[in-house]
Amino acid sequence: MTSPASAPLRLVDVDALDERQVTVVETPVGTLAVGLSEGEPFAVSNRCRHLLASLGKGRVAEDGCLQCPWHAARFDVRTGEMTRGPQGALKPFAGVVKSTTGQIALKTYPVALRDGAIWLQT
């Protein structure tokens, strides 16, 4: 018999994702940024390593990375690593931010795409 702690948890219906392809989901393991990148589901910790913006309010960029809504830093959703530091007015400091705060990867969570939804594999 499977215990409730090991049962998969339905996070979000794929149809509920808008053009940003990511959303914020409250779960028993914490608040996650959940979405689709190049057709593959992902779930990562929700806070940007730069200034703690909600990544679930960002978007999946053309390169498949999750982009922060505040300063456009990007994260590889497979590894959690920062692939690009903050942009805009902070762009001159992007390399410094990436080399310091980018050393701490986002936590990634195992997920599966099933029945039109993204499921957390606990």
PDB file of N, CA and C in Angstrom:
ATOM      1  N   MET A   1       0.840  -1.180   0.000  1.00  0.00           N
ATOM      2  CA  MET A   1       0.000   0.000   0.000  1.00  0.00           C
ATOM      3  C   MET A   1       0.888   1.247   0.000  1.00  0.00           C
ATOM      4  N   THR A   2       0.575   2.217  -0.855  1.00  0.00           N
ATOM      5  CA  THR A   2       1.355   3.441  -0.963  1.00  0.00           C
ATOM      6  C   THR A   2       0.914   4.438   0.096  1.00  0.00           C
ATOM      7  N   SER A   3       1.886   5.033   0.780  1.00  0.00           N
ATOM      8  CA  SER A   3       1.541   6.038   1.788  1.00  0.00           C
ATOM      9  C   SER A   3       1.234   7.356   1.092  1.00  0.00           C
ATOM     10  N   PRO A   4       0.430   8.240   1.708  1.00  0.00           N
ATOM     11  CA  PRO A   4       0.094   9.525   1.096  1.00  0.00           C
ATOM     12  C   PRO A   4       1.337  10.361   0.781  1.00  0.00           C
ATOM     13  N   ALA A   5       2.406  10.224   1.559  1.00  0.00           N
ATOM     14  CA  ALA A   5       3.611  11.015   1.334  1.00  0.00           C
ATOM     15  C   ALA A   5       4.302  10.644   0.028  1.00  0.00           C
ATOM     16  N   SER A   6       4.095   9.426  -0.455  1.00  0.00           N
ATOM     17  CA  SER A   6       4.770   9.009  -1.668  1.00  0.00           C
ATOM     18  C   SER A   6       3.869   9.080  -2.906  1.00  0.00           C
ATOM     19  N   ALA A   7       2.623   9.489  -2.735  1.00  0.00           N
ATOM     20  CA  ALA A   7       1.702   9.594  -3.868  1.00  0.00           C
ATOM     21  C   ALA A   7       2.023  10.836  -4.682  1.00  0.00           C
ATOM     22  N   PRO A   8       1.943  10.739  -6.031  1.00  0.00           N
ATOM     23  CA  PRO A   8       2.165  11.925  -6.868  1.00  0.00           C
ATOM     24  C   PRO A   8       1.131  13.002  -6.544  1.00  0.00           C
ATOM     25  N   LEU A   9       1.531  14.249  -6.704  1.00  0.00           N
ATOM     26  CA  LEU A   9       0.673  15.390  -6.392  1.00  0.00           C
ATOM     27  C   LEU A   9       0.432  16.191  -7.667  1.00  0.00           C
ATOM     28  N   ARG A  10      -0.823  16.365  -8.028  1.00  0.00           N
ATOM     29  CA  ARG A  10      -1.178  17.152  -9.216  1.00  0.00           C
ATOM     30  C   ARG A  10      -0.883  18.622  -8.924  1.00  0.00           C
ATOM     31  N   LEU A  11      -0.020  19.244  -9.744  1.00  0.00           N
ATOM     32  CA  LEU A  11       0.383  20.625  -9.517  1.00  0.00           C
ATOM     33  C   LEU A  11      -0.448  21.621 -10.305  1.00  0.00           C
ATOM     34  N   VAL A  12      -0.555  21.405 -11.613  1.00  0.00           N
ATOM     35  CA  VAL A  12      -1.288  22.353 -12.458  1.00  0.00           C
ATOM     36  C   VAL A  12      -1.676  21.676 -13.768  1.00  0.00           C
ATOM     37  N   ASP A  13      -2.853  22.032 -14.274  1.00  0.00           N
ATOM     38  CA  ASP A  13      -3.255  21.577 -15.601  1.00  0.00           C
ATOM     39  C   ASP A  13      -2.477  22.382 -16.630  1.00  0.00           C
ATOM     40  N   VAL A  14      -1.991  21.724 -17.653  1.00  0.00           N
ATOM     41  CA  VAL A  14      -1.224  22.388 -18.705  1.00  0.00           C
ATOM     42  C   VAL A  14      -2.065  23.491 -19.358  1.00  0.00           C
ATOM     43  N   ASP A  15      -3.355  23.250 -19.538  1.00  0.00           N
ATOM     44  CA  ASP A  15      -4.247  24.248 -20.144  1.00  0.00           C
ATOM     45  C   ASP A  15      -4.363  25.519 -19.304  1.00  0.00           C
ATOM     46  N   ALA A  16      -4.036  25.438 -18.030  1.00  0.00           N
ATOM     47  CA  ALA A  16      -4.120  26.606 -17.150  1.00  0.00           C
ATOM     48  C   ALA A  16      -2.914  27.534 -17.297  1.00  0.00           C
ATOM     49  N   LEU A  17      -1.850  27.061 -17.961  1.00  0.00           N
ATOM     50  CA  LEU A  17      -0.665  27.896 -18.170  1.00  0.00           C
ATOM     51  C   LEU A  17      -0.944  28.897 -19.281  1.00  0.00           C
ATOM     52  N   ASP A  18      -0.574  30.150 -19.055  1.00  0.00           N
ATOM     53  CA  ASP A  18      -0.763  31.159 -20.096  1.00  0.00           C
ATOM     54  C   ASP A  18       0.484  31.239 -20.980  1.00  0.00           C
ATOM     55  N   GLU A  19       0.609  32.293 -21.749  1.00  0.00           N
ATOM     56  CA  GLU A  19       1.726  32.413 -22.689  1.00  0.00           C
ATOM     57  C   GLU A  19       3.085  32.452 -22.000  1.00  0.00           C
ATOM     58  N   ARG A  20       3.123  32.741 -20.704  1.00  0.00           N
ATOM     59  CA  ARG A  20       4.391  32.751 -19.959  1.00  0.00           C
ATOM     60  C   ARG A  20       4.901  31.334 -19.700  1.00  0.00           C
ATOM     61  N   GLN A  21       4.004  30.344 -19.737  1.00  0.00           N
ATOM     62  CA  GLN A  21       4.304  28.924 -19.555  1.00  0.00           C
ATOM     63  C   GLN A  21       4.831  28.560 -18.164  1.00  0.00           C
ATOM     64  N   VAL A  22       4.549  29.405 -17.167  1.00  0.00           N
ATOM     65  CA  VAL A  22       4.961  29.121 -15.788  1.00  0.00           C
ATOM     66  C   VAL A  22       3.953  29.762 -14.834  1.00  0.00           C
ATOM     67  N   THR A  23       3.825  29.157 -13.670  1.00  0.00           N
ATOM     68  CA  THR A  23       2.935  29.688 -12.644  1.00  0.00           C
ATOM     69  C   THR A  23       3.496  29.360 -11.270  1.00  0.00           C
ATOM     70  N   VAL A  24       2.907  29.954 -10.244  1.00  0.00           N
ATOM     71  CA  VAL A  24       3.286  29.695  -8.857  1.00  0.00           C
ATOM     72  C   VAL A  24       2.319  28.661  -8.285  1.00  0.00           C
ATOM     73  N   VAL A  25       2.867  27.629  -7.629  1.00  0.00           N
ATOM     74  CA  VAL A  25       2.037  26.590  -7.029  1.00  0.00           C
ATOM     75  C   VAL A  25       2.501  26.366  -5.592  1.00  0.00           C
ATOM     76  N   GLU A  26       1.550  26.423  -4.666  1.00  0.00           N
ATOM     77  CA  GLU A  26       1.818  26.111  -3.251  1.00  0.00           C
ATOM     78  C   GLU A  26       1.725  24.602  -3.084  1.00  0.00           C
ATOM     79  N   THR A  27       2.743  23.995  -2.478  1.00  0.00           N
ATOM     80  CA  THR A  27       2.771  22.548  -2.288  1.00  0.00           C
ATOM     81  C   THR A  27       3.224  22.229  -0.864  1.00  0.00           C
ATOM     82  N   PRO A  28       3.108  20.980  -0.448  1.00  0.00           N
ATOM     83  CA  PRO A  28       3.619  20.587   0.866  1.00  0.00           C
ATOM     84  C   PRO A  28       5.138  20.749   1.000  1.00  0.00           C
ATOM     85  N   VAL A  29       5.872  20.783  -0.133  1.00  0.00           N
ATOM     86  CA  VAL A  29       7.327  20.964  -0.073  1.00  0.00           C
ATOM     87  C   VAL A  29       7.734  22.427  -0.221  1.00  0.00           C
ATOM     88  N   GLY A  30       6.762  23.323  -0.329  1.00  0.00           N
ATOM     89  CA  GLY A  30       7.038  24.756  -0.446  1.00  0.00           C
ATOM     90  C   GLY A  30       6.411  25.343  -1.697  1.00  0.00           C
ATOM     91  N   THR A  31       6.681  26.626  -1.915  1.00  0.00           N
ATOM     92  CA  THR A  31       6.164  27.326  -3.077  1.00  0.00           C
ATOM     93  C   THR A  31       7.088  27.064  -4.264  1.00  0.00           C
ATOM     94  N   LEU A  32       6.513  26.597  -5.372  1.00  0.00           N
ATOM     95  CA  LEU A  32       7.301  26.225  -6.541  1.00  0.00           C
ATOM     96  C   LEU A  32       6.896  27.047  -7.765  1.00  0.00           C
ATOM     97  N   ALA A  33       7.855  27.223  -8.676  1.00  0.00           N
ATOM     98  CA  ALA A  33       7.579  27.730 -10.016  1.00  0.00           C
ATOM     99  C   ALA A  33       7.426  26.487 -10.888  1.00  0.00           C
ATOM    100  N   VAL A  34       6.261  26.328 -11.503  1.00  0.00           N
ATOM    101  CA  VAL A  34       5.929  25.112 -12.243  1.00  0.00           C
ATOM    102  C   VAL A  34       5.505  25.491 -13.653  1.00  0.00           C
ATOM    103  N   GLY A  35       6.000  24.752 -14.638  1.00  0.00           N
ATOM    104  CA  GLY A  35       5.600  25.057 -15.999  1.00  0.00           C
ATOM    105  C   GLY A  35       6.142  24.091 -17.013  1.00  0.00           C
ATOM    106  N   LEU A  36       6.165  24.575 -18.272  1.00  0.00           N
ATOM    107  CA  LEU A  36       6.660  23.805 -19.400  1.00  0.00           C
ATOM    108  C   LEU A  36       7.791  24.558 -20.077  1.00  0.00           C
ATOM    109  N   SER A  37       8.860  23.839 -20.389  1.00  0.00           N
ATOM    110  CA  SER A  37       9.990  24.387 -21.130  1.00  0.00           C
ATOM    111  C   SER A  37      10.262  23.455 -22.300  1.00  0.00           C
ATOM    112  N   GLU A  38      10.082  23.960 -23.502  1.00  0.00           N
ATOM    113  CA  GLU A  38      10.280  23.156 -24.705  1.00  0.00           C
ATOM    114  C   GLU A  38       9.474  21.858 -24.637  1.00  0.00           C
ATOM    115  N   GLY A  39       8.245  21.962 -24.127  1.00  0.00           N
ATOM    116  CA  GLY A  39       7.347  20.822 -24.050  1.00  0.00           C
ATOM    117  C   GLY A  39       7.562  19.901 -22.875  1.00  0.00           C
ATOM    118  N   GLU A  40       8.582  20.158 -22.066  1.00  0.00           N
ATOM    119  CA  GLU A  40       8.891  19.311 -20.911  1.00  0.00           C
ATOM    120  C   GLU A  40       8.476  20.010 -19.614  1.00  0.00           C
ATOM    121  N   PRO A  41       7.866  19.266 -18.683  1.00  0.00           N
ATOM    122  CA  PRO A  41       7.452  19.877 -17.423  1.00  0.00           C
ATOM    123  C   PRO A  41       8.646  20.142 -16.508  1.00  0.00           C
ATOM    124  N   PHE A  42       8.506  21.158 -15.664  1.00  0.00           N
ATOM    125  CA  PHE A  42       9.539  21.437 -14.659  1.00  0.00           C
ATOM    126  C   PHE A  42       8.884  21.999 -13.409  1.00  0.00           C
ATOM    127  N   ALA A  43       9.605  21.861 -12.306  1.00  0.00           N
ATOM    128  CA  ALA A  43       9.237  22.493 -11.034  1.00  0.00           C
ATOM    129  C   ALA A  43      10.544  22.851 -10.341  1.00  0.00           C
ATOM    130  N   VAL A  44      10.670  24.121  -9.973  1.00  0.00           N
ATOM    131  CA  VAL A  44      11.873  24.610  -9.295  1.00  0.00           C
ATOM    132  C   VAL A  44      11.459  25.499  -8.133  1.00  0.00           C
ATOM    133  N   SER A  45      12.405  25.748  -7.230  1.00  0.00           N
ATOM    134  CA  SER A  45      12.128  26.677  -6.142  1.00  0.00           C
ATOM    135  C   SER A  45      11.732  28.018  -6.756  1.00  0.00           C
ATOM    136  N   ASN A  46      10.866  28.732  -6.088  1.00  0.00           N
ATOM    137  CA  ASN A  46      10.207  29.900  -6.667  1.00  0.00           C
ATOM    138  C   ASN A  46      10.978  31.209  -6.551  1.00  0.00           C
ATOM    139  N   ARG A  47      12.028  31.284  -5.790  1.00  0.00           N
ATOM    140  CA  ARG A  47      12.694  32.565  -5.541  1.00  0.00           C
ATOM    141  C   ARG A  47      13.982  32.727  -6.332  1.00  0.00           C
ATOM    142  N   CYS A  48      14.080  33.847  -7.055  1.00  0.00           N
ATOM    143  CA  CYS A  48      15.292  34.176  -7.801  1.00  0.00           C
ATOM    144  C   CYS A  48      16.448  34.348  -6.819  1.00  0.00           C
ATOM    145  N   ARG A  49      17.621  33.898  -7.206  1.00  0.00           N
ATOM    146  CA  ARG A  49      18.800  33.995  -6.342  1.00  0.00           C
ATOM    147  C   ARG A  49      19.345  35.416  -6.256  1.00  0.00           C
ATOM    148  N   HIS A  50      18.877  36.314  -7.118  1.00  0.00           N
ATOM    149  CA  HIS A  50      19.366  37.682  -7.124  1.00  0.00           C
ATOM    150  C   HIS A  50      18.707  38.504  -6.019  1.00  0.00           C
ATOM    151  N   LEU A  51      17.396  38.811  -6.161  1.00  0.00           N
ATOM    152  CA  LEU A  51      16.696  39.602  -5.141  1.00  0.00           C
ATOM    153  C   LEU A  51      15.387  38.951  -4.699  1.00  0.00           C
ATOM    154  N   LEU A  52      15.301  37.644  -4.856  1.00  0.00           N
ATOM    155  CA  LEU A  52      14.194  36.826  -4.350  1.00  0.00           C
ATOM    156  C   LEU A  52      12.843  37.094  -5.010  1.00  0.00           C
ATOM    157  N   ALA A  53      12.848  37.528  -6.267  1.00  0.00           N
ATOM    158  CA  ALA A  53      11.589  37.689  -7.004  1.00  0.00           C
ATOM    159  C   ALA A  53      10.921  36.330  -7.189  1.00  0.00           C
ATOM    160  N   SER A  54       9.609  36.338  -7.369  1.00  0.00           N
ATOM    161  CA  SER A  54       8.851  35.116  -7.620  1.00  0.00           C
ATOM    162  C   SER A  54       9.058  34.679  -9.063  1.00  0.00           C
ATOM    163  N   LEU A  55       9.792  33.585  -9.264  1.00  0.00           N
ATOM    164  CA  LEU A  55      10.073  33.095 -10.606  1.00  0.00           C
ATOM    165  C   LEU A  55       8.822  32.579 -11.313  1.00  0.00           C
ATOM    166  N   GLY A  56       7.847  32.148 -10.545  1.00  0.00           N
ATOM    167  CA  GLY A  56       6.587  31.691 -11.127  1.00  0.00           C
ATOM    168  C   GLY A  56       5.790  32.812 -11.751  1.00  0.00           C
ATOM    169  N   LYS A  57       6.208  34.054 -11.500  1.00  0.00           N
ATOM    170  CA  LYS A  57       5.575  35.213 -12.132  1.00  0.00           C
ATOM    171  C   LYS A  57       6.397  35.717 -13.308  1.00  0.00           C
ATOM    172  N   GLY A  58       7.473  34.979 -13.631  1.00  0.00           N
ATOM    173  CA  GLY A  58       8.316  35.310 -14.773  1.00  0.00           C
ATOM    174  C   GLY A  58       7.767  34.668 -16.034  1.00  0.00           C
ATOM    175  N   ARG A  59       8.682  34.187 -16.881  1.00  0.00           N
ATOM    176  CA  ARG A  59       8.265  33.524 -18.115  1.00  0.00           C
ATOM    177  C   ARG A  59       9.351  32.570 -18.569  1.00  0.00           C
ATOM    178  N   VAL A  60       8.937  31.623 -19.415  1.00  0.00           N
ATOM    179  CA  VAL A  60       9.908  30.739 -20.051  1.00  0.00           C
ATOM    180  C   VAL A  60      10.363  31.456 -21.323  1.00  0.00           C
ATOM    181  N   ALA A  61      11.659  31.701 -21.425  1.00  0.00           N
ATOM    182  CA  ALA A  61      12.234  32.431 -22.550  1.00  0.00           C
ATOM    183  C   ALA A  61      12.392  31.534 -23.779  1.00  0.00           C
ATOM    184  N   GLU A  62      12.746  32.154 -24.898  1.00  0.00           N
ATOM    185  CA  GLU A  62      12.913  31.439 -26.162  1.00  0.00           C
ATOM    186  C   GLU A  62      13.930  30.304 -26.063  1.00  0.00           C
ATOM    187  N   ASP A  63      14.924  30.468 -25.198  1.00  0.00           N
ATOM    188  CA  ASP A  63      15.962  29.434 -25.053  1.00  0.00           C
ATOM    189  C   ASP A  63      15.563  28.313 -24.092  1.00  0.00           C
ATOM    190  N   GLY A  64      14.322  28.374 -23.567  1.00  0.00           N
ATOM    191  CA  GLY A  64      13.832  27.337 -22.661  1.00  0.00           C
ATOM    192  C   GLY A  64      14.145  27.589 -21.206  1.00  0.00           C
ATOM    193  N   CYS A  65      14.890  28.662 -20.914  1.00  0.00           N
ATOM    194  CA  CYS A  65      15.230  28.995 -19.530  1.00  0.00           C
ATOM    195  C   CYS A  65      14.100  29.781 -18.876  1.00  0.00           C
ATOM    196  N   LEU A  66      14.029  29.689 -17.562  1.00  0.00           N
ATOM    197  CA  LEU A  66      13.061  30.456 -16.785  1.00  0.00           C
ATOM    198  C   LEU A  66      13.643  31.833 -16.515  1.00  0.00           C
ATOM    199  N   GLN A  67      12.898  32.864 -16.902  1.00  0.00           N
ATOM    200  CA  GLN A  67      13.383  34.239 -16.775  1.00  0.00           C
ATOM    201  C   GLN A  67      12.697  34.945 -15.615  1.00  0.00           C
ATOM    202  N   CYS A  68      13.494  35.561 -14.757  1.00  0.00           N
ATOM    203  CA  CYS A  68      13.000  36.314 -13.610  1.00  0.00           C
ATOM    204  C   CYS A  68      12.196  37.529 -14.084  1.00  0.00           C
ATOM    205  N   PRO A  69      11.061  37.818 -13.441  1.00  0.00           N
ATOM    206  CA  PRO A  69      10.240  38.952 -13.864  1.00  0.00           C
ATOM    207  C   PRO A  69      10.830  40.317 -13.502  1.00  0.00           C
ATOM    208  N   TRP A  70      11.764  40.378 -12.572  1.00  0.00           N
ATOM    209  CA  TRP A  70      12.290  41.667 -12.139  1.00  0.00           C
ATOM    210  C   TRP A  70      13.458  42.156 -12.983  1.00  0.00           C
ATOM    211  N   HIS A  71      14.500  41.364 -13.128  1.00  0.00           N
ATOM    212  CA  HIS A  71      15.700  41.839 -13.817  1.00  0.00           C
ATOM    213  C   HIS A  71      16.173  40.909 -14.926  1.00  0.00           C
ATOM    214  N   ALA A  72      15.313  39.965 -15.321  1.00  0.00           N
ATOM    215  CA  ALA A  72      15.538  39.089 -16.474  1.00  0.00           C
ATOM    216  C   ALA A  72      16.726  38.129 -16.346  1.00  0.00           C
ATOM    217  N   ALA A  73      17.149  37.827 -15.126  1.00  0.00           N
ATOM    218  CA  ALA A  73      18.127  36.746 -14.955  1.00  0.00           C
ATOM    219  C   ALA A  73      17.458  35.468 -15.449  1.00  0.00           C
ATOM    220  N   ARG A  74      18.250  34.515 -15.939  1.00  0.00           N
ATOM    221  CA  ARG A  74      17.681  33.269 -16.459  1.00  0.00           C
ATOM    222  C   ARG A  74      18.278  32.058 -15.766  1.00  0.00           C
ATOM    223  N   PHE A  75      17.428  31.020 -15.656  1.00  0.00           N
ATOM    224  CA  PHE A  75      17.795  29.785 -14.982  1.00  0.00           C
ATOM    225  C   PHE A  75      17.466  28.582 -15.854  1.00  0.00           C
ATOM    226  N   ASP A  76      18.373  27.624 -15.910  1.00  0.00           N
ATOM    227  CA  ASP A  76      18.139  26.357 -16.585  1.00  0.00           C
ATOM    228  C   ASP A  76      17.202  25.552 -15.692  1.00  0.00           C
ATOM    229  N   VAL A  77      16.013  25.221 -16.191  1.00  0.00           N
ATOM    230  CA  VAL A  77      15.031  24.534 -15.351  1.00  0.00           C
ATOM    231  C   VAL A  77      15.381  23.070 -15.096  1.00  0.00           C
ATOM    232  N   ARG A  78      16.307  22.521 -15.857  1.00  0.00           N
ATOM    233  CA  ARG A  78      16.726  21.129 -15.627  1.00  0.00           C
ATOM    234  C   ARG A  78      17.721  21.034 -14.478  1.00  0.00           C
ATOM    235  N   THR A  79      18.624  22.014 -14.385  1.00  0.00           N
ATOM    236  CA  THR A  79      19.687  21.959 -13.375  1.00  0.00           C
ATOM    237  C   THR A  79      19.503  22.968 -12.247  1.00  0.00           C
ATOM    238  N   GLY A  80      18.711  24.016 -12.492  1.00  0.00           N
ATOM    239  CA  GLY A  80      18.533  25.088 -11.514  1.00  0.00           C
ATOM    240  C   GLY A  80      19.619  26.151 -11.576  1.00  0.00           C
ATOM    241  N   GLU A  81      20.615  25.967 -12.448  1.00  0.00           N
ATOM    242  CA  GLU A  81      21.734  26.911 -12.518  1.00  0.00           C
ATOM    243  C   GLU A  81      21.346  28.210 -13.223  1.00  0.00           C
ATOM    244  N   MET A  82      21.888  29.334 -12.724  1.00  0.00           N
ATOM    245  CA  MET A  82      21.692  30.621 -13.374  1.00  0.00           C
ATOM    246  C   MET A  82      22.528  30.616 -14.654  1.00  0.00           C
ATOM    247  N   THR A  83      21.877  30.880 -15.786  1.00  0.00           N
ATOM    248  CA  THR A  83      22.589  30.899 -17.064  1.00  0.00           C
ATOM    249  C   THR A  83      22.905  32.311 -17.520  1.00  0.00           C
ATOM    250  N   ARG A  84      22.186  33.291 -16.952  1.00  0.00           N
ATOM    251  CA  ARG A  84      22.418  34.688 -17.291  1.00  0.00           C
ATOM    252  C   ARG A  84      22.075  35.529 -16.073  1.00  0.00           C
ATOM    253  N   GLY A  85      22.949  36.472 -15.759  1.00  0.00           N
ATOM    254  CA  GLY A  85      22.706  37.364 -14.634  1.00  0.00           C
ATOM    255  C   GLY A  85      21.683  38.429 -14.968  1.00  0.00           C
ATOM    256  N   PRO A  86      21.375  39.316 -14.003  1.00  0.00           N
ATOM    257  CA  PRO A  86      20.385  40.371 -14.196  1.00  0.00           C
ATOM    258  C   PRO A  86      20.733  41.271 -15.384  1.00  0.00           C
ATOM    259  N   GLN A  87      19.688  41.794 -16.034  1.00  0.00           N
ATOM    260  CA  GLN A  87      19.844  42.652 -17.208  1.00  0.00           C
ATOM    261  C   GLN A  87      19.332  44.064 -16.889  1.00  0.00           C
ATOM    262  N   GLY A  88      19.151  44.865 -17.906  1.00  0.00           N
ATOM    263  CA  GLY A  88      18.677  46.234 -17.731  1.00  0.00           C
ATOM    264  C   GLY A  88      19.740  47.082 -17.069  1.00  0.00           C
ATOM    265  N   ALA A  89      19.339  47.916 -16.126  1.00  0.00           N
ATOM    266  CA  ALA A  89      20.271  48.802 -15.425  1.00  0.00           C
ATOM    267  C   ALA A  89      21.337  48.008 -14.679  1.00  0.00           C
ATOM    268  N   LEU A  90      21.038  46.754 -14.357  1.00  0.00           N
ATOM    269  CA  LEU A  90      21.978  45.921 -13.613  1.00  0.00           C
ATOM    270  C   LEU A  90      22.915  45.129 -14.521  1.00  0.00           C
ATOM    271  N   LYS A  91      22.746  45.244 -15.844  1.00  0.00           N
ATOM    272  CA  LYS A  91      23.544  44.444 -16.774  1.00  0.00           C
ATOM    273  C   LYS A  91      25.058  44.562 -16.548  1.00  0.00           C
ATOM    274  N   PRO A  92      25.589  45.762 -16.249  1.00  0.00           N
ATOM    275  CA  PRO A  92      27.039  45.820 -16.006  1.00  0.00           C
ATOM    276  C   PRO A  92      27.498  44.933 -14.848  1.00  0.00           C
ATOM    277  N   PHE A  93      26.582  44.607 -13.951  1.00  0.00           N
ATOM    278  CA  PHE A  93      26.911  43.790 -12.777  1.00  0.00           C
ATOM    279  C   PHE A  93      26.468  42.333 -12.931  1.00  0.00           C
ATOM    280  N   ALA A  94      25.910  41.982 -14.098  1.00  0.00           N
ATOM    281  CA  ALA A  94      25.340  40.646 -14.309  1.00  0.00           C
ATOM    282  C   ALA A  94      26.349  39.539 -14.050  1.00  0.00           C
ATOM    283  N   GLY A  95      27.590  39.727 -14.503  1.00  0.00           N
ATOM    284  CA  GLY A  95      28.613  38.696 -14.304  1.00  0.00           C
ATOM    285  C   GLY A  95      28.956  38.505 -12.847  1.00  0.00           C
ATOM    286  N   VAL A  96      29.006  39.608 -12.105  1.00  0.00           N
ATOM    287  CA  VAL A  96      29.307  39.534 -10.671  1.00  0.00           C
ATOM    288  C   VAL A  96      28.172  38.831  -9.939  1.00  0.00           C
ATOM    289  N   VAL A  97      26.925  39.223 -10.257  1.00  0.00           N
ATOM    290  CA  VAL A  97      25.771  38.593  -9.608  1.00  0.00           C
ATOM    291  C   VAL A  97      25.743  37.105  -9.938  1.00  0.00           C
ATOM    292  N   LYS A  98      25.957  36.771 -11.223  1.00  0.00           N
ATOM    293  CA  LYS A  98      25.930  35.361 -11.625  1.00  0.00           C
ATOM    294  C   LYS A  98      27.023  34.570 -10.916  1.00  0.00           C
ATOM    295  N   SER A  99      28.201  35.165 -10.759  1.00  0.00           N
ATOM    296  CA  SER A  99      29.313  34.430 -10.141  1.00  0.00           C
ATOM    297  C   SER A  99      29.174  34.318  -8.627  1.00  0.00           C
ATOM    298  N   THR A 100      28.365  35.172  -8.009  1.00  0.00           N
ATOM    299  CA  THR A 100      28.196  35.089  -6.554  1.00  0.00           C
ATOM    300  C   THR A 100      26.870  34.418  -6.206  1.00  0.00           C
ATOM    301  N   THR A 101      25.741  35.086  -6.482  1.00  0.00           N
ATOM    302  CA  THR A 101      24.450  34.483  -6.149  1.00  0.00           C
ATOM    303  C   THR A 101      24.125  33.310  -7.051  1.00  0.00           C
ATOM    304  N   GLY A 102      24.683  33.304  -8.270  1.00  0.00           N
ATOM    305  CA  GLY A 102      24.428  32.215  -9.206  1.00  0.00           C
ATOM    306  C   GLY A 102      25.071  30.908  -8.813  1.00  0.00           C
ATOM    307  N   GLN A 103      25.946  30.928  -7.821  1.00  0.00           N
ATOM    308  CA  GLN A 103      26.595  29.695  -7.360  1.00  0.00           C
ATOM    309  C   GLN A 103      25.612  28.770  -6.652  1.00  0.00           C
ATOM    310  N   ILE A 104      24.526  29.340  -6.162  1.00  0.00           N
ATOM    311  CA  ILE A 104      23.516  28.548  -5.463  1.00  0.00           C
ATOM    312  C   ILE A 104      22.385  28.273  -6.449  1.00  0.00           C
ATOM    313  N   ALA A 105      22.308  27.059  -6.944  1.00  0.00           N
ATOM    314  CA  ALA A 105      21.293  26.700  -7.936  1.00  0.00           C
ATOM    315  C   ALA A 105      19.910  26.645  -7.300  1.00  0.00           C
ATOM    316  N   LEU A 106      18.908  26.854  -8.123  1.00  0.00           N
ATOM    317  CA  LEU A 106      17.538  26.642  -7.680  1.00  0.00           C
ATOM    318  C   LEU A 106      17.370  25.154  -7.385  1.00  0.00           C
ATOM    319  N   LYS A 107      16.531  24.831  -6.440  1.00  0.00           N
ATOM    320  CA  LYS A 107      16.228  23.428  -6.188  1.00  0.00           C
ATOM    321  C   LYS A 107      15.268  22.957  -7.272  1.00  0.00           C
ATOM    322  N   THR A 108      15.544  21.811  -7.840  1.00  0.00           N
ATOM    323  CA  THR A 108      14.667  21.225  -8.853  1.00  0.00           C
ATOM    324  C   THR A 108      13.898  20.060  -8.238  1.00  0.00           C
ATOM    325  N   TYR A 109      12.715  19.822  -8.759  1.00  0.00           N
ATOM    326  CA  TYR A 109      11.852  18.767  -8.230  1.00  0.00           C
ATOM    327  C   TYR A 109      11.442  17.828  -9.364  1.00  0.00           C
ATOM    328  N   PRO A 110      11.354  16.527  -9.081  1.00  0.00           N
ATOM    329  CA  PRO A 110      10.956  15.579 -10.126  1.00  0.00           C
ATOM    330  C   PRO A 110       9.468  15.723 -10.452  1.00  0.00           C
ATOM    331  N   VAL A 111       9.190  15.875 -11.736  1.00  0.00           N
ATOM    332  CA  VAL A 111       7.809  16.030 -12.178  1.00  0.00           C
ATOM    333  C   VAL A 111       7.560  15.148 -13.384  1.00  0.00           C
ATOM    334  N   ALA A 112       6.288  14.933 -13.683  1.00  0.00           N
ATOM    335  CA  ALA A 112       5.883  14.164 -14.856  1.00  0.00           C
ATOM    336  C   ALA A 112       4.673  14.839 -15.479  1.00  0.00           C
ATOM    337  N   LEU A 113       4.535  14.670 -16.781  1.00  0.00           N
ATOM    338  CA  LEU A 113       3.389  15.166 -17.525  1.00  0.00           C
ATOM    339  C   LEU A 113       2.456  13.985 -17.745  1.00  0.00           C
ATOM    340  N   ARG A 114       1.259  14.078 -17.184  1.00  0.00           N
ATOM    341  CA  ARG A 114       0.302  12.964 -17.285  1.00  0.00           C
ATOM    342  C   ARG A 114      -1.127  13.492 -17.222  1.00  0.00           C
ATOM    343  N   ASP A 115      -1.982  12.967 -18.063  1.00  0.00           N
ATOM    344  CA  ASP A 115      -3.406  13.336 -18.076  1.00  0.00           C
ATOM    345  C   ASP A 115      -3.602  14.845 -18.222  1.00  0.00           C
ATOM    346  N   GLY A 116      -2.758  15.499 -19.024  1.00  0.00           N
ATOM    347  CA  GLY A 116      -2.900  16.928 -19.267  1.00  0.00           C
ATOM    348  C   GLY A 116      -2.494  17.813 -18.101  1.00  0.00           C
ATOM    349  N   ALA A 117      -1.732  17.244 -17.168  1.00  0.00           N
ATOM    350  CA  ALA A 117      -1.320  18.009 -15.988  1.00  0.00           C
ATOM    351  C   ALA A 117       0.147  17.718 -15.648  1.00  0.00           C
ATOM    352  N   ILE A 118       0.727  18.599 -14.866  1.00  0.00           N
ATOM    353  CA  ILE A 118       2.072  18.403 -14.345  1.00  0.00           C
ATOM    354  C   ILE A 118       1.928  17.877 -12.927  1.00  0.00           C
ATOM    355  N   TRP A 119       2.598  16.764 -12.654  1.00  0.00           N
ATOM    356  CA  TRP A 119       2.523  16.083 -11.363  1.00  0.00           C
ATOM    357  C   TRP A 119       3.877  16.100 -10.671  1.00  0.00           C
ATOM    358  N   LEU A 120       3.878  16.372  -9.385  1.00  0.00           N
ATOM    359  CA  LEU A 120       5.085  16.270  -8.565  1.00  0.00           C
ATOM    360  C   LEU A 120       5.249  14.825  -8.140  1.00  0.00           C
ATOM    361  N   GLN A 121       6.422  14.261  -8.422  1.00  0.00           N
ATOM    362  CA  GLN A 121       6.718  12.889  -8.035  1.00  0.00           C
ATOM    363  C   GLN A 121       7.388  12.955  -6.647  1.00  0.00           C
ATOM    364  N   THR A 122       6.672  12.614  -5.611  1.00  0.00           N
ATOM    365  CA  THR A 122       7.229  12.702  -4.254  1.00  0.00           C
ATOM    366  C   THR A 122       7.795  11.385  -3.794  1.00  0.00           C
TER     367      THR A 122
END
